[in-house]
Protein backbone atom coordinates (compact mmCIF):
# COMPACT_ATOMS: atom_id res chain seq x y z
CA MET A 1 -21.11 4.95 0.30
CA LYS A 2 -23.56 5.30 -2.03
CA ASN A 3 -23.08 6.37 -5.44
CA ARG A 4 -24.88 9.60 -5.08
CA LYS A 5 -23.44 10.74 -2.02
CA GLU A 6 -20.24 10.28 -3.61
CA LEU A 7 -21.12 12.57 -6.16
CA ILE A 8 -22.24 15.16 -4.04
CA LEU A 9 -19.17 15.08 -1.65
CA LYS A 10 -17.57 15.26 -5.24
CA GLU A 11 -19.24 18.84 -6.52
CA ILE A 12 -19.01 20.38 -2.80
CA VAL A 13 -15.32 19.40 -2.38
CA ASP A 14 -14.75 20.26 -6.47
CA GLY A 15 -17.48 23.80 -5.86
CA TYR A 16 -15.34 24.38 -2.50
CA ILE A 17 -11.71 24.33 -4.14
CA GLU A 18 -13.08 26.59 -6.96
CA THR A 19 -14.59 29.32 -5.08
CA GLY A 20 -13.64 29.12 -1.15
CA ASP A 21 -17.23 29.34 -0.44
CA PRO A 22 -19.52 27.17 1.50
CA ILE A 23 -21.50 24.83 -1.21
CA SER A 24 -25.26 24.98 -0.25
CA SER A 25 -27.99 22.28 -1.50
CA LYS A 26 -29.32 25.24 -3.76
CA MET A 27 -25.79 25.58 -5.80
CA ILE A 28 -25.73 22.19 -5.91
CA LEU A 29 -28.75 21.94 -8.01
CA GLU A 30 -28.48 24.95 -10.01
CA GLU A 31 -24.72 24.39 -10.55
CA TYR A 32 -23.86 21.48 -11.21
CA ASP A 33 -27.10 20.02 -12.78
CA LEU A 34 -27.40 17.23 -10.79
CA ASP A 35 -30.74 15.32 -11.54
CA TYR A 36 -31.93 14.97 -7.54
CA SER A 37 -34.68 16.47 -5.78
CA SER A 38 -33.38 19.32 -3.08
CA ALA A 39 -34.83 17.32 -0.33
CA THR A 40 -32.65 14.35 -1.71
CA VAL A 41 -29.54 16.18 -1.74
CA ARG A 42 -30.27 17.87 1.76
CA ASN A 43 -30.82 15.29 3.33
CA ASP A 44 -27.72 13.50 1.56
CA MET A 45 -25.35 16.60 2.92
CA HIS A 46 -26.97 15.75 6.40
CA GLU A 47 -25.95 12.60 6.20
CA LEU A 48 -22.39 13.55 5.26
CA GLU A 49 -22.08 15.74 7.78
CA ASP A 50 -23.28 13.56 10.33
CA GLU A 51 -20.36 10.75 8.89
CA GLY A 52 -18.19 13.84 9.30
CA TYR A 53 -17.24 14.52 5.63
CA LEU A 54 -18.55 17.73 5.75
CA LYS A 55 -19.04 20.67 7.68
CA LYS A 56 -21.29 23.94 8.45
CA PRO A 57 -19.10 26.81 9.25
CA TYR A 58 -22.08 29.32 9.78
CA THR A 59 -25.38 28.71 11.47
CA SER A 60 -27.09 28.90 8.26
CA GLY A 61 -25.43 28.30 5.07
CA GLY A 62 -23.96 25.81 2.78
CA ARG A 63 -21.29 22.77 3.99
CA VAL A 64 -17.69 22.86 3.46
CA PRO A 65 -15.13 19.41 3.46
CA THR A 66 -13.66 18.23 6.14
CA VAL A 67 -10.36 16.39 6.25
CA GLU A 68 -12.22 13.08 5.96
CA GLY A 69 -14.30 14.21 3.61
CA TYR A 70 -11.47 15.54 0.98
CA ARG A 71 -9.25 12.28 2.43
CA TYR A 72 -12.74 10.57 0.76
CA PHE A 73 -12.47 12.54 -2.21
CA VAL A 74 -8.75 12.14 -3.04
CA SER A 75 -9.07 8.04 -2.58
CA TRP A 76 -11.91 7.84 -5.11
CA LEU A 77 -10.53 10.49 -7.36
CA LEU A 78 -9.28 7.67 -10.08
CA GLU A 79 -9.16 9.67 -13.60
CA LEU A 80 -6.70 12.31 -13.62
CA SER A 81 -7.14 15.51 -15.46
CA GLU A 82 -4.94 16.09 -18.34
CA LEU A 83 -2.23 18.67 -18.64
CA SER A 84 -2.46 21.33 -21.40
CA GLY A 85 -0.77 20.93 -24.26
CA GLU A 86 1.65 23.95 -23.30
CA GLU A 87 1.99 22.47 -19.74
CA GLN A 88 3.74 19.45 -21.38
CA ARG A 89 5.88 21.22 -23.43
CA ALA A 90 7.47 22.79 -21.11
CA ILE A 91 8.15 20.02 -19.09
CA VAL A 92 9.81 18.28 -22.12
CA GLU A 93 11.72 20.71 -23.04
CA ALA A 94 12.97 20.99 -19.55
CA TYR A 95 14.14 17.46 -19.83
CA ASP A 96 15.30 17.93 -23.46
CA PHE A 97 18.87 16.53 -22.32
CA GLU A 98 20.65 13.28 -22.04
CA GLN A 99 22.56 14.08 -18.64
CA GLN A 100 23.07 17.16 -16.84
CA ASN A 101 24.33 18.60 -12.97
CA THR A 102 22.40 16.92 -10.44
CA GLU A 103 21.42 19.84 -8.37
CA ARG A 104 20.54 22.02 -11.44
CA LEU A 105 18.43 18.69 -12.32
CA LEU A 106 16.81 18.16 -9.11
CA ARG A 107 16.60 22.30 -8.30
CA ASN A 108 14.91 22.19 -12.07
CA THR A 109 11.98 19.56 -11.33
CA ALA A 110 11.32 21.12 -8.10
CA THR A 111 10.65 24.38 -9.90
CA LEU A 112 8.60 22.98 -12.64
CA LEU A 113 6.10 21.25 -9.81
CA ALA A 114 5.81 24.43 -7.98
CA ASN A 115 5.21 26.94 -11.21
CA ILE A 116 2.94 24.74 -12.94
CA THR A 117 0.80 23.65 -9.93
CA GLY A 118 0.91 26.75 -7.99
CA TYR A 119 1.80 25.04 -4.59
CA ALA A 120 5.14 24.46 -2.85
CA GLY A 121 7.73 21.94 -4.93
CA PHE A 122 10.25 19.59 -3.38
CA VAL A 123 12.60 16.99 -4.56
CA LEU A 124 14.33 14.93 -1.99
CA GLY A 125 17.63 13.97 -3.97
CA PRO A 126 18.73 10.44 -4.51
CA ASP A 127 21.17 8.69 -1.87
CA LEU A 128 23.99 9.11 -3.54
CA GLU A 129 26.15 7.29 -1.04
CA GLU A 130 24.13 4.10 -2.86
CA ARG A 131 25.23 4.72 -6.43
CA ARG A 132 28.44 3.18 -8.03
CA VAL A 133 30.61 4.88 -9.91
CA LYS A 134 30.08 4.80 -14.14
CA TYR A 135 32.70 7.25 -14.65
CA PHE A 136 35.44 9.99 -13.34
CA THR A 137 37.92 11.92 -14.81
CA LEU A 138 39.75 15.15 -13.72
CA THR A 139 40.46 18.00 -16.44
CA GLN A 140 42.87 20.60 -15.34
CA LEU A 141 41.64 24.40 -15.31
CA ASP A 142 44.95 25.87 -14.31
CA ARG A 143 48.23 24.76 -12.57
CA THR A 144 46.56 23.75 -9.24
CA HIS A 145 42.94 23.71 -9.90
CA LEU A 146 40.88 20.31 -11.52
CA MET A 147 37.49 20.04 -12.51
CA ALA A 148 35.88 16.50 -11.33
CA ILE A 149 33.58 14.69 -13.05
CA LEU A 150 31.52 12.01 -11.65
CA VAL A 151 28.75 9.95 -13.45
CA THR A 152 26.80 7.26 -11.61
CA ASP A 153 25.12 4.53 -12.62
CA ILE A 154 21.71 6.30 -13.18
CA GLY A 155 23.72 8.59 -15.44
CA LEU A 156 23.65 11.85 -12.71
CA VAL A 157 26.46 14.30 -13.29
CA GLU A 158 28.29 15.64 -10.41
CA ASN A 159 31.15 18.10 -10.98
CA ARG A 160 33.26 20.53 -8.72
CA VAL A 161 35.98 22.67 -8.79
CA ILE A 162 39.22 21.05 -6.28
CA GLU A 163 42.46 22.36 -5.36
CA SER A 164 45.56 20.39 -5.40
CA ASP A 165 48.18 21.61 -3.08
CA ARG A 166 50.74 20.90 -5.70
CA GLU A 167 50.80 22.04 -9.13
CA ILE A 168 49.85 18.79 -11.72
CA THR A 169 50.96 18.62 -14.39
CA ARG A 170 49.29 17.61 -18.18
CA GLY A 171 51.45 14.25 -18.27
CA GLU A 172 50.61 13.33 -15.00
CA LEU A 173 46.65 13.73 -15.61
CA GLU A 174 47.26 11.38 -18.91
CA GLN A 175 48.76 8.97 -16.67
CA LEU A 176 45.91 9.69 -13.59
CA ASN A 177 42.69 9.41 -15.49
CA PRO A 178 42.98 5.96 -17.17
CA MET A 179 44.25 4.55 -13.50
CA LEU A 180 40.99 6.29 -11.86
CA SER A 181 38.80 4.88 -14.42
CA GLN A 182 40.74 0.97 -13.39
CA ARG A 183 40.29 1.40 -9.80
CA LEU A 184 36.67 3.50 -9.62
CA GLU A 185 34.14 1.79 -11.97
CA GLY A 186 31.94 0.05 -10.20
CA ILE A 187 32.87 1.24 -6.68
CA LYS A 188 29.79 2.71 -4.27
CA LEU A 189 30.40 6.02 -3.37
CA LYS A 190 29.36 5.15 0.23
CA LYS A 191 32.78 2.69 -0.07
CA LEU A 192 34.96 5.32 -1.18
CA LYS A 193 33.94 7.52 2.12
CA GLU A 194 34.35 4.86 4.50
CA MET A 195 38.17 4.33 2.93
CA GLN A 196 38.87 7.83 4.42
CA ASN A 197 40.92 6.16 7.09
CA VAL A 198 42.66 4.18 4.88
CA ASP A 199 46.32 2.99 4.94
CA LEU A 200 47.41 4.81 2.11
CA ASN A 201 50.96 2.72 2.19
CA GLU A 202 48.81 -0.80 1.42
CA GLU A 203 45.95 -2.01 -1.13
CA GLY A 204 47.85 -0.62 -4.27
CA TRP A 205 47.77 3.00 -3.12
CA TYR A 206 51.72 3.43 -2.42
CA ASP A 207 52.15 5.00 -5.66
CA LYS A 208 52.38 8.75 -4.85
CA LEU A 209 50.32 9.68 -7.79
CA THR A 210 47.48 7.27 -7.09
CA ARG A 211 47.38 8.49 -3.40
CA ASP A 212 47.30 11.90 -4.48
CA SER A 213 44.54 11.01 -7.01
CA PHE A 214 42.77 9.53 -3.91
CA LEU A 215 43.21 12.51 -1.62
CA LEU A 216 41.80 14.34 -4.67
CA ILE A 217 38.70 11.96 -4.61
CA ARG A 218 38.23 12.32 -1.05
CA ASN A 219 38.08 15.91 -1.23
CA PHE A 220 35.67 15.48 -3.97
CA LEU A 221 33.17 13.07 -1.98
CA ARG A 222 33.26 15.07 1.35
CA GLU A 223 30.72 17.53 0.45
CA ARG A 224 28.71 15.57 -2.59
CA SER A 225 27.01 12.54 -1.78
CA GLU A 226 25.08 14.22 0.84
CA ARG A 227 21.51 13.69 0.64
CA ARG A 228 19.69 17.03 -0.41
CA LEU A 229 16.30 18.46 -0.13
CA TYR A 230 15.12 20.99 -3.31
CA LEU A 231 12.76 23.12 -2.07
CA GLU A 232 10.84 25.87 -4.42
CA GLY A 233 7.95 28.38 -4.90
CA PRO A 234 7.34 27.54 -0.41
CA LEU A 235 5.29 30.86 -0.38
CA ASN A 236 2.83 29.32 -2.67
CA ILE A 237 1.83 27.33 0.42
CA ILE A 238 -0.35 30.01 1.18
CA GLY A 239 -2.37 29.28 -1.99
CA ASP A 240 -3.97 32.01 -3.93
CA GLY A 241 -6.65 34.16 -2.61
CA LEU A 242 -6.21 32.76 0.66
CA LYS A 243 -3.43 34.66 2.26
CA GLU A 244 -6.07 35.98 5.30
CA LYS A 245 -7.26 33.15 6.14
CA GLN A 246 -3.25 31.26 7.08
CA ASP A 247 -2.55 30.66 10.05
CA PRO A 248 0.95 31.96 10.29
CA GLU A 249 1.54 29.60 13.08
CA LYS A 250 0.41 26.73 11.01
CA LEU A 251 2.35 27.97 8.17
CA LYS A 252 5.61 27.74 10.39
CA LYS A 253 5.01 24.27 11.45
CA VAL A 254 4.37 23.56 7.56
CA PHE A 255 7.68 25.29 6.93
CA ASP A 256 9.27 22.98 9.55
CA TYR A 257 7.53 19.72 8.24
CA LEU A 258 9.25 19.98 4.93
CA ASN A 259 12.96 18.88 5.92
CA GLU A 260 15.23 15.94 4.89
CA GLU A 261 14.55 13.63 7.93
CA ASN A 262 10.46 14.10 7.99
CA LEU A 263 10.59 13.51 4.00
CA GLU A 264 13.17 10.90 3.78
CA GLU A 265 10.96 8.70 6.47
CA ILE A 266 7.68 9.32 3.83
CA THR A 267 9.93 8.11 0.97
CA GLU A 268 10.66 4.89 2.91
CA SER A 269 6.66 4.65 3.84
CA CYS A 270 6.14 4.55 0.37
CA ARG A 271 8.41 2.10 -0.73
CA GLU A 272 5.91 -0.03 -1.78
CA ASN A 273 4.00 2.32 -3.87
CA GLU A 274 7.21 3.21 -6.01
CA ASN A 275 6.29 4.85 -8.91
CA GLN A 276 2.69 5.67 -7.86
CA ILE A 277 0.98 8.49 -6.44
CA THR A 278 0.57 9.11 -2.50
CA ALA A 279 -1.66 11.47 -0.75
CA ILE A 280 -0.89 12.79 2.28
CA VAL A 281 -4.49 14.43 3.42
CA GLY A 282 -3.96 16.67 6.42
CA LEU A 283 -0.22 17.04 7.68
CA LYS A 284 -0.01 15.44 11.11
CA ASP A 285 1.91 18.11 13.44
CA ASP A 286 3.07 16.44 17.02
CA SER A 287 0.02 18.34 18.70
CA GLU A 288 -2.46 18.75 15.83
CA LEU A 289 -3.57 18.09 12.32
CA LEU A 290 -2.58 21.13 9.98
CA PRO A 291 -4.76 21.94 7.15
CA TYR A 292 -2.44 21.23 4.27
CA SER A 293 -1.94 18.40 2.08
CA MET A 294 1.04 16.68 0.11
CA ILE A 295 1.16 14.42 -2.90
CA ILE A 296 4.31 12.36 -3.35
CA LYS A 297 5.78 10.22 -6.29
CA ARG A 298 8.37 7.96 -5.35
CA LEU A 299 10.92 7.04 -8.10
CA ALA A 300 11.90 4.04 -8.57
CA ASN A 301 15.43 4.25 -9.59
CA CYS A 302 17.11 6.16 -6.67
CA SER A 303 15.48 6.22 -3.55
CA SER A 304 14.27 9.85 -4.54
CA THR A 305 10.58 11.62 -3.46
CA LEU A 306 9.29 14.88 -5.32
CA GLY A 307 5.91 16.14 -4.95
CA ILE A 308 4.05 19.33 -4.20
CA THR A 309 2.41 20.64 -0.91
CA GLY A 310 -0.44 22.97 -0.61
CA PRO A 311 -3.78 24.27 1.28
CA ILE A 312 -5.94 21.41 1.59
CA ASN A 313 -8.02 22.49 -0.61
CA MET A 314 -5.82 22.41 -3.64
CA ASP A 315 -6.67 21.00 -6.98
CA TYR A 316 -6.12 17.55 -6.58
CA SER A 317 -6.69 16.33 -9.97
CA LYS A 318 -4.28 18.85 -11.62
CA SER A 319 -1.85 18.06 -8.36
CA PHE A 320 -1.98 14.28 -9.10
CA SER A 321 -1.43 14.85 -13.38
CA THR A 322 1.51 17.59 -12.50
CA VAL A 323 3.33 14.95 -9.96
CA GLN A 324 2.82 11.65 -12.05
CA TYR A 325 3.34 13.39 -15.61
CA ILE A 326 7.07 14.91 -14.17
CA GLY A 327 7.28 11.91 -12.09
CA SER A 328 7.58 9.60 -15.02
CA ARG A 329 9.51 12.25 -17.09
CA LEU A 330 12.62 12.10 -14.28
CA ASP A 331 11.99 8.83 -13.63
CA SER A 332 12.45 8.13 -17.62
CA LEU A 333 15.95 10.01 -17.79
CA LEU A 334 17.37 8.31 -14.73
CA THR A 335 16.34 4.66 -16.23
CA ALA A 336 18.07 5.53 -19.81
CA GLY A 337 21.19 7.04 -17.97
CA LYS A 338 20.79 3.72 -15.85
CA LYS A 339 21.07 1.65 -19.38
CA ASN A 340 23.96 3.49 -21.07
């Protein structure tokens, strides 16, 4: 596509995203101050329509982008807009910590994405089963309740209150925690889960205190190592000022699309684009193309994915900037956790 037609397509996409109204050649010349004749602009718009990048929604008036038009625009959009200083400060302050509970960390990230972009923000949590134990300890809360704290090799923290079927004394814990540290450091959580059928009279588990500790750990891992999807602001998918234009059935299909299985498949497909932005313009349902887009960043450290979903006429430049900035902050945090 020639540079002039690219510029005209960009102005039409920008104008339609901003106003929601079809863009005419007159509007392009008056509003965007392009140094072309009206005949040239009209001719280029006709060609863009013939090539499938624009369409005319009415018998007269301007044009609006097609899905292919959005896709071309997104692939051509190389320069990302800057986030405001206030937005950057909000992100930095949200990540102003060394370690925090995994669930809270990832949910807060999804909330940040939703709040700053105005679309739906999501984070597909890391595959914790592939993570290794860096630190594990049990702290006594009362006679039968313990706080289990697990730190993984990428610095993520899991904690949970677990109940013992018998009273565990402080003296037992003083013996137990060093033993746990020695036995568990460096082991993958997946391996610990696979040991659930181990004969506890073998492989050094014969000691009653060790055996009891293993049973507690197995109870801890039963619910905490599953991969989870954190989705915030799903109603933002409707988009400001677009509520009347949304098809409820298509919205439902988008909500159904945002599940762990689909996002895990997308995460794997983005493996070669690790730590880069991927844009899916027009979500593909089994039977149709949905007028919604997804901006994705795959994190390098833990096979996790974050991103946003919104109407196909979303603000792509702002969306790219937000996903890139938040993803980089989170990735840096995880890298720091892994090195410590």
